[in-house]
Amino acid sequence: MNLTEVNKSIQNNLFLQETAQQLEKDFLMIGINFDIDTPVSDYKYLFSFTYHLVNALNEQNPQKVLNLIYRIDLAEEKVQEEMQKTQLSFTEMLSEMIVKRELKKVLIKSYFTNS
């Protein structure tokens, strides 16, 4: 799968369900249910759902947010670097980074499975 095909697949939401499943798996690994309504209709909904969950988690148990960052292999340096550049709130920015990291995992898995 080349980059053009990947971009088309993302635009057509072909990796949406797999990304939601990856999010569910990683949230469960830190003891948090990611009970999103399926099928997920679009990325905006997935971002919104993730944002509300991360926001609540950050308010109730910030250590779990750190555990999630570690679990999904999101570098703390990247988070801190992004915080310096963004206009978004911390939880909006972090939610976006989490969903993008999970999508990247799905894309890498798909690439190597289909190669």
PDB file of N, CA and C in Angstrom:
ATOM      1  N   MET A   1       0.857  -1.175   0.000  1.00  0.00           N
ATOM      2  CA  MET A   1       0.000   0.000   0.000  1.00  0.00           C
ATOM      3  C   MET A   1       0.900   1.234   0.000  1.00  0.00           C
ATOM      4  N   ASN A   2       0.765   2.073  -1.010  1.00  0.00           N
ATOM      5  CA  ASN A   2       1.585   3.280  -1.075  1.00  0.00           C
ATOM      6  C   ASN A   2       0.892   4.443  -0.369  1.00  0.00           C
ATOM      7  N   LEU A   3       1.594   5.559  -0.271  1.00  0.00           N
ATOM      8  CA  LEU A   3       1.082   6.706   0.476  1.00  0.00           C
ATOM      9  C   LEU A   3      -0.215   7.251  -0.107  1.00  0.00           C
ATOM     10  N   THR A   4      -0.352   7.265  -1.414  1.00  0.00           N
ATOM     11  CA  THR A   4      -1.585   7.740  -2.049  1.00  0.00           C
ATOM     12  C   THR A   4      -2.762   6.860  -1.646  1.00  0.00           C
ATOM     13  N   GLU A   5      -2.557   5.547  -1.661  1.00  0.00           N
ATOM     14  CA  GLU A   5      -3.624   4.627  -1.248  1.00  0.00           C
ATOM     15  C   GLU A   5      -3.979   4.801   0.221  1.00  0.00           C
ATOM     16  N   VAL A   6      -2.960   5.034   1.053  1.00  0.00           N
ATOM     17  CA  VAL A   6      -3.192   5.254   2.480  1.00  0.00           C
ATOM     18  C   VAL A   6      -4.039   6.504   2.670  1.00  0.00           C
ATOM     19  N   ASN A   7      -3.671   7.596   1.994  1.00  0.00           N
ATOM     20  CA  ASN A   7      -4.434   8.845   2.115  1.00  0.00           C
ATOM     21  C   ASN A   7      -5.877   8.665   1.668  1.00  0.00           C
ATOM     22  N   LYS A   8      -6.099   7.958   0.568  1.00  0.00           N
ATOM     23  CA  LYS A   8      -7.463   7.703   0.105  1.00  0.00           C
ATOM     24  C   LYS A   8      -8.224   6.860   1.117  1.00  0.00           C
ATOM     25  N   SER A   9      -7.556   5.867   1.683  1.00  0.00           N
ATOM     26  CA  SER A   9      -8.200   5.002   2.668  1.00  0.00           C
ATOM     27  C   SER A   9      -8.591   5.783   3.915  1.00  0.00           C
ATOM     28  N   ILE A  10      -7.728   6.691   4.343  1.00  0.00           N
ATOM     29  CA  ILE A  10      -8.045   7.524   5.501  1.00  0.00           C
ATOM     30  C   ILE A  10      -9.238   8.419   5.182  1.00  0.00           C
ATOM     31  N   GLN A  11      -9.231   9.036   4.005  1.00  0.00           N
ATOM     32  CA  GLN A  11     -10.331   9.918   3.615  1.00  0.00           C
ATOM     33  C   GLN A  11     -11.648   9.150   3.512  1.00  0.00           C
ATOM     34  N   ASN A  12     -11.581   7.898   3.132  1.00  0.00           N
ATOM     35  CA  ASN A  12     -12.790   7.075   3.011  1.00  0.00           C
ATOM     36  C   ASN A  12     -13.135   6.343   4.309  1.00  0.00           C
ATOM     37  N   ASN A  13     -12.451   6.704   5.394  1.00  0.00           N
ATOM     38  CA  ASN A  13     -12.693   6.124   6.709  1.00  0.00           C
ATOM     39  C   ASN A  13     -12.501   4.614   6.760  1.00  0.00           C
ATOM     40  N   LEU A  14     -11.633   4.067   5.915  1.00  0.00           N
ATOM     41  CA  LEU A  14     -11.443   2.627   5.882  1.00  0.00           C
ATOM     42  C   LEU A  14     -10.717   2.095   7.118  1.00  0.00           C
ATOM     43  N   PHE A  15      -9.938   2.927   7.769  1.00  0.00           N
ATOM     44  CA  PHE A  15      -9.206   2.485   8.953  1.00  0.00           C
ATOM     45  C   PHE A  15      -9.900   2.925  10.243  1.00  0.00           C
ATOM     46  N   LEU A  16     -11.092   3.442  10.123  1.00  0.00           N
ATOM     47  CA  LEU A  16     -11.806   3.996  11.266  1.00  0.00           C
ATOM     48  C   LEU A  16     -12.136   2.939  12.314  1.00  0.00           C
ATOM     49  N   GLN A  17     -12.693   1.827  11.902  1.00  0.00           N
ATOM     50  CA  GLN A  17     -13.077   0.777  12.857  1.00  0.00           C
ATOM     51  C   GLN A  17     -11.856   0.187  13.540  1.00  0.00           C
ATOM     52  N   GLU A  18     -10.787  -0.028  12.757  1.00  0.00           N
ATOM     53  CA  GLU A  18      -9.566  -0.582  13.329  1.00  0.00           C
ATOM     54  C   GLU A  18      -8.939   0.386  14.340  1.00  0.00           C
ATOM     55  N   THR A  19      -9.013   1.676  14.057  1.00  0.00           N
ATOM     56  CA  THR A  19      -8.479   2.680  14.974  1.00  0.00           C
ATOM     57  C   THR A  19      -9.295   2.698  16.264  1.00  0.00           C
ATOM     58  N   ALA A  20     -10.601   2.629  16.142  1.00  0.00           N
ATOM     59  CA  ALA A  20     -11.470   2.576  17.328  1.00  0.00           C
ATOM     60  C   ALA A  20     -11.175   1.324  18.145  1.00  0.00           C
ATOM     61  N   GLN A  21     -10.953   0.196  17.487  1.00  0.00           N
ATOM     62  CA  GLN A  21     -10.627  -1.046  18.197  1.00  0.00           C
ATOM     63  C   GLN A  21      -9.278  -0.940  18.900  1.00  0.00           C
ATOM     64  N   GLN A  22      -8.311  -0.308  18.248  1.00  0.00           N
ATOM     65  CA  GLN A  22      -6.996  -0.127  18.867  1.00  0.00           C
ATOM     66  C   GLN A  22      -7.107   0.777  20.088  1.00  0.00           C
ATOM     67  N   LEU A  23      -7.893   1.847  19.978  1.00  0.00           N
ATOM     68  CA  LEU A  23      -8.119   2.728  21.124  1.00  0.00           C
ATOM     69  C   LEU A  23      -8.763   1.955  22.269  1.00  0.00           C
ATOM     70  N   GLU A  24      -9.776   1.166  21.944  1.00  0.00           N
ATOM     71  CA  GLU A  24     -10.463   0.372  22.963  1.00  0.00           C
ATOM     72  C   GLU A  24      -9.477  -0.567  23.666  1.00  0.00           C
ATOM     73  N   LYS A  25      -8.658  -1.235  22.894  1.00  0.00           N
ATOM     74  CA  LYS A  25      -7.675  -2.173  23.441  1.00  0.00           C
ATOM     75  C   LYS A  25      -6.713  -1.468  24.400  1.00  0.00           C
ATOM     76  N   ASP A  26      -6.158  -0.326  23.972  1.00  0.00           N
ATOM     77  CA  ASP A  26      -5.167   0.358  24.793  1.00  0.00           C
ATOM     78  C   ASP A  26      -5.783   1.035  26.018  1.00  0.00           C
ATOM     79  N   PHE A  27      -6.982   1.548  25.893  1.00  0.00           N
ATOM     80  CA  PHE A  27      -7.654   2.106  27.068  1.00  0.00           C
ATOM     81  C   PHE A  27      -7.955   1.002  28.077  1.00  0.00           C
ATOM     82  N   LEU A  28      -8.384  -0.156  27.598  1.00  0.00           N
ATOM     83  CA  LEU A  28      -8.659  -1.277  28.502  1.00  0.00           C
ATOM     84  C   LEU A  28      -7.401  -1.725  29.235  1.00  0.00           C
ATOM     85  N   MET A  29      -6.251  -1.609  28.595  1.00  0.00           N
ATOM     86  CA  MET A  29      -4.994  -2.006  29.223  1.00  0.00           C
ATOM     87  C   MET A  29      -4.653  -1.136  30.437  1.00  0.00           C
ATOM     88  N   ILE A  30      -5.220   0.061  30.507  1.00  0.00           N
ATOM     89  CA  ILE A  30      -5.007   0.905  31.686  1.00  0.00           C
ATOM     90  C   ILE A  30      -6.242   0.916  32.587  1.00  0.00           C
ATOM     91  N   GLY A  31      -7.195   0.041  32.289  1.00  0.00           N
ATOM     92  CA  GLY A  31      -8.370  -0.117  33.140  1.00  0.00           C
ATOM     93  C   GLY A  31      -9.509   0.833  32.855  1.00  0.00           C
ATOM     94  N   ILE A  32      -9.568   1.393  31.655  1.00  0.00           N
ATOM     95  CA  ILE A  32     -10.626   2.341  31.280  1.00  0.00           C
ATOM     96  C   ILE A  32     -11.415   1.769  30.111  1.00  0.00           C
ATOM     97  N   ASN A  33     -12.741   1.743  30.244  1.00  0.00           N
ATOM     98  CA  ASN A  33     -13.598   1.285  29.144  1.00  0.00           C
ATOM     99  C   ASN A  33     -13.717   2.381  28.097  1.00  0.00           C
ATOM    100  N   PHE A  34     -13.543   1.987  26.861  1.00  0.00           N
ATOM    101  CA  PHE A  34     -13.686   2.895  25.710  1.00  0.00           C
ATOM    102  C   PHE A  34     -14.937   2.439  24.970  1.00  0.00           C
ATOM    103  N   ASP A  35     -16.087   2.725  25.567  1.00  0.00           N
ATOM    104  CA  ASP A  35     -17.372   2.226  25.064  1.00  0.00           C
ATOM    105  C   ASP A  35     -17.967   3.153  24.015  1.00  0.00           C
ATOM    106  N   ILE A  36     -17.362   3.185  22.869  1.00  0.00           N
ATOM    107  CA  ILE A  36     -17.841   4.032  21.778  1.00  0.00           C
ATOM    108  C   ILE A  36     -18.926   3.284  21.013  1.00  0.00           C
ATOM    109  N   ASP A  37     -19.938   4.020  20.572  1.00  0.00           N
ATOM    110  CA  ASP A  37     -20.990   3.412  19.751  1.00  0.00           C
ATOM    111  C   ASP A  37     -20.402   2.999  18.413  1.00  0.00           C
ATOM    112  N   THR A  38     -20.675   1.768  18.019  1.00  0.00           N
ATOM    113  CA  THR A  38     -20.186   1.281  16.738  1.00  0.00           C
ATOM    114  C   THR A  38     -21.348   1.022  15.807  1.00  0.00           C
ATOM    115  N   PRO A  39     -21.178   1.111  14.534  1.00  0.00           N
ATOM    116  CA  PRO A  39     -19.937   1.515  13.878  1.00  0.00           C
ATOM    117  C   PRO A  39     -19.693   3.022  14.036  1.00  0.00           C
ATOM    118  N   VAL A  40     -18.430   3.369  14.089  1.00  0.00           N
ATOM    119  CA  VAL A  40     -18.022   4.767  14.211  1.00  0.00           C
ATOM    120  C   VAL A  40     -18.220   5.416  12.845  1.00  0.00           C
ATOM    121  N   SER A  41     -18.912   6.549  12.837  1.00  0.00           N
ATOM    122  CA  SER A  41     -19.299   7.154  11.561  1.00  0.00           C
ATOM    123  C   SER A  41     -18.204   7.988  10.901  1.00  0.00           C
ATOM    124  N   ASP A  42     -17.389   8.688  11.692  1.00  0.00           N
ATOM    125  CA  ASP A  42     -16.324   9.509  11.107  1.00  0.00           C
ATOM    126  C   ASP A  42     -15.253   9.825  12.146  1.00  0.00           C
ATOM    127  N   TYR A  43     -14.140  10.346  11.676  1.00  0.00           N
ATOM    128  CA  TYR A  43     -13.019  10.649  12.565  1.00  0.00           C
ATOM    129  C   TYR A  43     -13.358  11.760  13.553  1.00  0.00           C
ATOM    130  N   LYS A  44     -14.186  12.695  13.142  1.00  0.00           N
ATOM    131  CA  LYS A  44     -14.569  13.781  14.039  1.00  0.00           C
ATOM    132  C   LYS A  44     -15.251  13.226  15.288  1.00  0.00           C
ATOM    133  N   TYR A  45     -16.114  12.243  15.097  1.00  0.00           N
ATOM    134  CA  TYR A  45     -16.793  11.601  16.227  1.00  0.00           C
ATOM    135  C   TYR A  45     -15.785  10.863  17.101  1.00  0.00           C
ATOM    136  N   LEU A  46     -14.836  10.175  16.476  1.00  0.00           N
ATOM    137  CA  LEU A  46     -13.812   9.447  17.224  1.00  0.00           C
ATOM    138  C   LEU A  46     -12.949  10.411  18.041  1.00  0.00           C
ATOM    139  N   PHE A  47     -12.543  11.542  17.442  1.00  0.00           N
ATOM    140  CA  PHE A  47     -11.788  12.556  18.167  1.00  0.00           C
ATOM    141  C   PHE A  47     -12.602  13.094  19.345  1.00  0.00           C
ATOM    142  N   SER A  48     -13.863  13.402  19.095  1.00  0.00           N
ATOM    143  CA  SER A  48     -14.726  13.958  20.132  1.00  0.00           C
ATOM    144  C   SER A  48     -14.896  12.984  21.295  1.00  0.00           C
ATOM    145  N   PHE A  49     -15.159  11.729  20.979  1.00  0.00           N
ATOM    146  CA  PHE A  49     -15.330  10.717  22.021  1.00  0.00           C
ATOM    147  C   PHE A  49     -14.048  10.584  22.837  1.00  0.00           C
ATOM    148  N   THR A  50     -12.921  10.516  22.151  1.00  0.00           N
ATOM    149  CA  THR A  50     -11.627  10.388  22.821  1.00  0.00           C
ATOM    150  C   THR A  50     -11.354  11.611  23.688  1.00  0.00           C
ATOM    151  N   TYR A  51     -11.655  12.785  23.169  1.00  0.00           N
ATOM    152  CA  TYR A  51     -11.442  14.018  23.925  1.00  0.00           C
ATOM    153  C   TYR A  51     -12.217  14.005  25.243  1.00  0.00           C
ATOM    154  N   HIS A  52     -13.492  13.668  25.188  1.00  0.00           N
ATOM    155  CA  HIS A  52     -14.307  13.676  26.408  1.00  0.00           C
ATOM    156  C   HIS A  52     -13.791  12.664  27.429  1.00  0.00           C
ATOM    157  N   LEU A  53     -13.342  11.519  26.957  1.00  0.00           N
ATOM    158  CA  LEU A  53     -12.808  10.500  27.851  1.00  0.00           C
ATOM    159  C   LEU A  53     -11.465  10.947  28.457  1.00  0.00           C
ATOM    160  N   VAL A  54     -10.581  11.479  27.634  1.00  0.00           N
ATOM    161  CA  VAL A  54      -9.276  11.950  28.122  1.00  0.00           C
ATOM    162  C   VAL A  54      -9.465  13.129  29.073  1.00  0.00           C
ATOM    163  N   ASN A  55     -10.385  14.012  28.776  1.00  0.00           N
ATOM    164  CA  ASN A  55     -10.649  15.162  29.632  1.00  0.00           C
ATOM    165  C   ASN A  55     -11.130  14.707  31.012  1.00  0.00           C
ATOM    166  N   ALA A  56     -12.086  13.792  31.037  1.00  0.00           N
ATOM    167  CA  ALA A  56     -12.591  13.273  32.315  1.00  0.00           C
ATOM    168  C   ALA A  56     -11.491  12.537  33.069  1.00  0.00           C
ATOM    169  N   LEU A  57     -10.727  11.764  32.359  1.00  0.00           N
ATOM    170  CA  LEU A  57      -9.634  11.009  32.965  1.00  0.00           C
ATOM    171  C   LEU A  57      -8.579  11.947  33.541  1.00  0.00           C
ATOM    172  N   ASN A  58      -8.261  13.003  32.820  1.00  0.00           N
ATOM    173  CA  ASN A  58      -7.271  13.980  33.284  1.00  0.00           C
ATOM    174  C   ASN A  58      -7.737  14.679  34.558  1.00  0.00           C
ATOM    175  N   GLU A  59      -9.023  14.931  34.668  1.00  0.00           N
ATOM    176  CA  GLU A  59      -9.564  15.588  35.858  1.00  0.00           C
ATOM    177  C   GLU A  59      -9.615  14.637  37.050  1.00  0.00           C
ATOM    178  N   GLN A  60      -9.949  13.360  36.801  1.00  0.00           N
ATOM    179  CA  GLN A  60     -10.147  12.401  37.886  1.00  0.00           C
ATOM    180  C   GLN A  60      -8.871  11.673  38.294  1.00  0.00           C
ATOM    181  N   ASN A  61      -8.026  11.341  37.314  1.00  0.00           N
ATOM    182  CA  ASN A  61      -6.843  10.537  37.614  1.00  0.00           C
ATOM    183  C   ASN A  61      -5.750  10.816  36.574  1.00  0.00           C
ATOM    184  N   PRO A  62      -5.027  11.912  36.732  1.00  0.00           N
ATOM    185  CA  PRO A  62      -3.996  12.272  35.756  1.00  0.00           C
ATOM    186  C   PRO A  62      -2.930  11.193  35.552  1.00  0.00           C
ATOM    187  N   GLN A  63      -2.689  10.379  36.568  1.00  0.00           N
ATOM    188  CA  GLN A  63      -1.705   9.301  36.432  1.00  0.00           C
ATOM    189  C   GLN A  63      -2.126   8.312  35.350  1.00  0.00           C
ATOM    190  N   LYS A  64      -3.420   8.081  35.203  1.00  0.00           N
ATOM    191  CA  LYS A  64      -3.916   7.174  34.159  1.00  0.00           C
ATOM    192  C   LYS A  64      -3.621   7.744  32.771  1.00  0.00           C
ATOM    193  N   VAL A  65      -3.666   9.070  32.645  1.00  0.00           N
ATOM    194  CA  VAL A  65      -3.335   9.701  31.367  1.00  0.00           C
ATOM    195  C   VAL A  65      -1.869   9.427  31.033  1.00  0.00           C
ATOM    196  N   LEU A  66      -1.010   9.555  32.025  1.00  0.00           N
ATOM    197  CA  LEU A  66       0.409   9.245  31.815  1.00  0.00           C
ATOM    198  C   LEU A  66       0.600   7.773  31.459  1.00  0.00           C
ATOM    199  N   ASN A  67      -0.147   6.898  32.113  1.00  0.00           N
ATOM    200  CA  ASN A  67      -0.085   5.474  31.791  1.00  0.00           C
ATOM    201  C   ASN A  67      -0.515   5.222  30.351  1.00  0.00           C
ATOM    202  N   LEU A  68      -1.547   5.928  29.908  1.00  0.00           N
ATOM    203  CA  LEU A  68      -2.031   5.786  28.536  1.00  0.00           C
ATOM    204  C   LEU A  68      -0.976   6.257  27.543  1.00  0.00           C
ATOM    205  N   ILE A  69      -0.367   7.395  27.827  1.00  0.00           N
ATOM    206  CA  ILE A  69       0.683   7.927  26.954  1.00  0.00           C
ATOM    207  C   ILE A  69       1.810   6.900  26.815  1.00  0.00           C
ATOM    208  N   TYR A  70       2.187   6.312  27.934  1.00  0.00           N
ATOM    209  CA  TYR A  70       3.228   5.286  27.915  1.00  0.00           C
ATOM    210  C   TYR A  70       2.756   4.051  27.150  1.00  0.00           C
ATOM    211  N   ARG A  71       1.525   3.632  27.405  1.00  0.00           N
ATOM    212  CA  ARG A  71       0.964   2.420  26.797  1.00  0.00           C
ATOM    213  C   ARG A  71       0.922   2.511  25.272  1.00  0.00           C
ATOM    214  N   ILE A  72       0.532   3.660  24.757  1.00  0.00           N
ATOM    215  CA  ILE A  72       0.408   3.775  23.296  1.00  0.00           C
ATOM    216  C   ILE A  72       1.717   4.203  22.640  1.00  0.00           C
ATOM    217  N   ASP A  73       2.750   4.376  23.454  1.00  0.00           N
ATOM    218  CA  ASP A  73       4.075   4.717  22.957  1.00  0.00           C
ATOM    219  C   ASP A  73       4.094   6.105  22.317  1.00  0.00           C
ATOM    220  N   LEU A  74       3.558   7.043  23.050  1.00  0.00           N
ATOM    221  CA  LEU A  74       3.560   8.447  22.635  1.00  0.00           C
ATOM    222  C   LEU A  74       4.628   9.146  23.466  1.00  0.00           C
ATOM    223  N   ALA A  75       5.683   9.610  22.833  1.00  0.00           N
ATOM    224  CA  ALA A  75       6.817  10.193  23.538  1.00  0.00           C
ATOM    225  C   ALA A  75       6.417  11.455  24.297  1.00  0.00           C
ATOM    226  N   GLU A  76       6.794  11.505  25.573  1.00  0.00           N
ATOM    227  CA  GLU A  76       6.490  12.683  26.389  1.00  0.00           C
ATOM    228  C   GLU A  76       7.119  13.943  25.802  1.00  0.00           C
ATOM    229  N   GLU A  77       8.290  13.773  25.185  1.00  0.00           N
ATOM    230  CA  GLU A  77       8.953  14.917  24.566  1.00  0.00           C
ATOM    231  C   GLU A  77       8.101  15.484  23.442  1.00  0.00           C
ATOM    232  N   LYS A  78       7.474  14.598  22.655  1.00  0.00           N
ATOM    233  CA  LYS A  78       6.604  15.061  21.564  1.00  0.00           C
ATOM    234  C   LYS A  78       5.394  15.801  22.124  1.00  0.00           C
ATOM    235  N   VAL A  79       4.840  15.288  23.219  1.00  0.00           N
ATOM    236  CA  VAL A  79       3.689  15.938  23.855  1.00  0.00           C
ATOM    237  C   VAL A  79       4.088  17.333  24.331  1.00  0.00           C
ATOM    238  N   GLN A  80       5.217  17.427  25.011  1.00  0.00           N
ATOM    239  CA  GLN A  80       5.679  18.722  25.501  1.00  0.00           C
ATOM    240  C   GLN A  80       5.998  19.680  24.359  1.00  0.00           C
ATOM    241  N   GLU A  81       6.601  19.153  23.303  1.00  0.00           N
ATOM    242  CA  GLU A  81       6.921  19.970  22.129  1.00  0.00           C
ATOM    243  C   GLU A  81       5.644  20.498  21.476  1.00  0.00           C
ATOM    244  N   GLU A  82       4.656  19.635  21.340  1.00  0.00           N
ATOM    245  CA  GLU A  82       3.389  20.028  20.726  1.00  0.00           C
ATOM    246  C   GLU A  82       2.656  21.057  21.584  1.00  0.00           C
ATOM    247  N   MET A  83       2.769  20.925  22.898  1.00  0.00           N
ATOM    248  CA  MET A  83       2.128  21.887  23.810  1.00  0.00           C
ATOM    249  C   MET A  83       2.646  23.299  23.571  1.00  0.00           C
ATOM    250  N   GLN A  84       3.920  23.409  23.185  1.00  0.00           N
ATOM    251  CA  GLN A  84       4.511  24.722  22.947  1.00  0.00           C
ATOM    252  C   GLN A  84       4.019  25.355  21.649  1.00  0.00           C
ATOM    253  N   LYS A  85       3.566  24.520  20.707  1.00  0.00           N
ATOM    254  CA  LYS A  85       3.196  25.017  19.378  1.00  0.00           C
ATOM    255  C   LYS A  85       1.696  25.200  19.167  1.00  0.00           C
ATOM    256  N   THR A  86       0.872  24.552  19.952  1.00  0.00           N
ATOM    257  CA  THR A  86      -0.554  24.483  19.633  1.00  0.00           C
ATOM    258  C   THR A  86      -1.376  25.592  20.280  1.00  0.00           C
ATOM    259  N   GLN A  87      -2.506  25.845  19.679  1.00  0.00           N
ATOM    260  CA  GLN A  87      -3.496  26.774  20.226  1.00  0.00           C
ATOM    261  C   GLN A  87      -4.581  26.008  20.986  1.00  0.00           C
ATOM    262  N   LEU A  88      -4.557  24.682  20.874  1.00  0.00           N
ATOM    263  CA  LEU A  88      -5.564  23.833  21.505  1.00  0.00           C
ATOM    264  C   LEU A  88      -5.321  23.723  23.008  1.00  0.00           C
ATOM    265  N   SER A  89      -6.363  23.322  23.725  1.00  0.00           N
ATOM    266  CA  SER A  89      -6.184  23.024  25.140  1.00  0.00           C
ATOM    267  C   SER A  89      -5.340  21.757  25.264  1.00  0.00           C
ATOM    268  N   PHE A  90      -4.820  21.499  26.449  1.00  0.00           N
ATOM    269  CA  PHE A  90      -3.990  20.320  26.656  1.00  0.00           C
ATOM    270  C   PHE A  90      -4.736  19.040  26.283  1.00  0.00           C
ATOM    271  N   THR A  91      -5.972  18.895  26.752  1.00  0.00           N
ATOM    272  CA  THR A  91      -6.700  17.648  26.480  1.00  0.00           C
ATOM    273  C   THR A  91      -7.113  17.528  25.015  1.00  0.00           C
ATOM    274  N   GLU A  92      -7.404  18.644  24.358  1.00  0.00           N
ATOM    275  CA  GLU A  92      -7.705  18.581  22.921  1.00  0.00           C
ATOM    276  C   GLU A  92      -6.470  18.132  22.143  1.00  0.00           C
ATOM    277  N   MET A  93      -5.345  18.738  22.459  1.00  0.00           N
ATOM    278  CA  MET A  93      -4.106  18.404  21.781  1.00  0.00           C
ATOM    279  C   MET A  93      -3.726  16.950  22.049  1.00  0.00           C
ATOM    280  N   LEU A  94      -3.814  16.533  23.307  1.00  0.00           N
ATOM    281  CA  LEU A  94      -3.455  15.171  23.667  1.00  0.00           C
ATOM    282  C   LEU A  94      -4.389  14.157  23.014  1.00  0.00           C
ATOM    283  N   SER A  95      -5.658  14.454  22.977  1.00  0.00           N
ATOM    284  CA  SER A  95      -6.627  13.552  22.336  1.00  0.00           C
ATOM    285  C   SER A  95      -6.317  13.387  20.857  1.00  0.00           C
ATOM    286  N   GLU A  96      -5.986  14.480  20.210  1.00  0.00           N
ATOM    287  CA  GLU A  96      -5.628  14.421  18.792  1.00  0.00           C
ATOM    288  C   GLU A  96      -4.372  13.575  18.595  1.00  0.00           C
ATOM    289  N   MET A  97      -3.385  13.777  19.453  1.00  0.00           N
ATOM    290  CA  MET A  97      -2.154  13.003  19.346  1.00  0.00           C
ATOM    291  C   MET A  97      -2.404  11.512  19.599  1.00  0.00           C
ATOM    292  N   ILE A  98      -3.280  11.206  20.538  1.00  0.00           N
ATOM    293  CA  ILE A  98      -3.594   9.811  20.851  1.00  0.00           C
ATOM    294  C   ILE A  98      -4.259   9.134  19.664  1.00  0.00           C
ATOM    295  N   VAL A  99      -5.268   9.775  19.097  1.00  0.00           N
ATOM    296  CA  VAL A  99      -5.970   9.170  17.952  1.00  0.00           C
ATOM    297  C   VAL A  99      -5.019   9.017  16.769  1.00  0.00           C
ATOM    298  N   LYS A 100      -4.203  10.017  16.514  1.00  0.00           N
ATOM    299  CA  LYS A 100      -3.251   9.925  15.399  1.00  0.00           C
ATOM    300  C   LYS A 100      -2.226   8.816  15.633  1.00  0.00           C
ATOM    301  N   ARG A 101      -1.783   8.652  16.872  1.00  0.00           N
ATOM    302  CA  ARG A 101      -0.816   7.587  17.173  1.00  0.00           C
ATOM    303  C   ARG A 101      -1.455   6.218  16.978  1.00  0.00           C
ATOM    304  N   GLU A 102      -2.700   6.072  17.398  1.00  0.00           N
ATOM    305  CA  GLU A 102      -3.400   4.802  17.223  1.00  0.00           C
ATOM    306  C   GLU A 102      -3.646   4.525  15.736  1.00  0.00           C
ATOM    307  N   LEU A 103      -3.982   5.547  14.979  1.00  0.00           N
ATOM    308  CA  LEU A 103      -4.152   5.391  13.533  1.00  0.00           C
ATOM    309  C   LEU A 103      -2.835   4.962  12.899  1.00  0.00           C
ATOM    310  N   LYS A 104      -1.749   5.562  13.341  1.00  0.00           N
ATOM    311  CA  LYS A 104      -0.434   5.195  12.813  1.00  0.00           C
ATOM    312  C   LYS A 104      -0.138   3.721  13.077  1.00  0.00           C
ATOM    313  N   LYS A 105      -0.478   3.232  14.257  1.00  0.00           N
ATOM    314  CA  LYS A 105      -0.289   1.809  14.572  1.00  0.00           C
ATOM    315  C   LYS A 105      -1.083   0.924  13.611  1.00  0.00           C
ATOM    316  N   VAL A 106      -2.323   1.323  13.352  1.00  0.00           N
ATOM    317  CA  VAL A 106      -3.188   0.562  12.440  1.00  0.00           C
ATOM    318  C   VAL A 106      -2.597   0.569  11.031  1.00  0.00           C
ATOM    319  N   LEU A 107      -2.138   1.722  10.580  1.00  0.00           N
ATOM    320  CA  LEU A 107      -1.556   1.831   9.242  1.00  0.00           C
ATOM    321  C   LEU A 107      -0.297   0.982   9.104  1.00  0.00           C
ATOM    322  N   ILE A 108       0.548   1.021  10.111  1.00  0.00           N
ATOM    323  CA  ILE A 108       1.777   0.221  10.068  1.00  0.00           C
ATOM    324  C   ILE A 108       1.438  -1.260  10.031  1.00  0.00           C
ATOM    325  N   LYS A 109       0.506  -1.671  10.852  1.00  0.00           N
ATOM    326  CA  LYS A 109       0.087  -3.077  10.874  1.00  0.00           C
ATOM    327  C   LYS A 109      -0.481  -3.476   9.523  1.00  0.00           C
ATOM    328  N   SER A 110      -1.313  -2.636   8.941  1.00  0.00           N
ATOM    329  CA  SER A 110      -1.908  -2.917   7.642  1.00  0.00           C
ATOM    330  C   SER A 110      -0.833  -3.009   6.548  1.00  0.00           C
ATOM    331  N   TYR A 111       0.121  -2.102   6.604  1.00  0.00           N
ATOM    332  CA  TYR A 111       1.182  -2.083   5.612  1.00  0.00           C
ATOM    333  C   TYR A 111       1.975  -3.384   5.643  1.00  0.00           C
ATOM    334  N   PHE A 112       2.375  -3.793   6.834  1.00  0.00           N
ATOM    335  CA  PHE A 112       3.204  -4.996   6.928  1.00  0.00           C
ATOM    336  C   PHE A 112       2.405  -6.274   6.736  1.00  0.00           C
ATOM    337  N   THR A 113       1.116  -6.250   7.025  1.00  0.00           N
ATOM    338  CA  THR A 113       0.272  -7.415   6.766  1.00  0.00           C
ATOM    339  C   THR A 113       0.048  -7.605   5.286  1.00  0.00           C
ATOM    340  N   ASN A 114      -0.064  -6.499   4.540  1.00  0.00           N
ATOM    341  CA  ASN A 114      -0.353  -6.565   3.104  1.00  0.00           C
ATOM    342  C   ASN A 114       0.909  -6.566   2.243  1.00  0.00           C
ATOM    343  N   SER A 115       2.080  -6.475   2.854  1.00  0.00           N
ATOM    344  CA  SER A 115       3.317  -6.445   2.068  1.00  0.00           C
ATOM    345  C   SER A 115       3.781  -7.843   1.728  1.00  0.00           C
TER     346      SER A 115
END
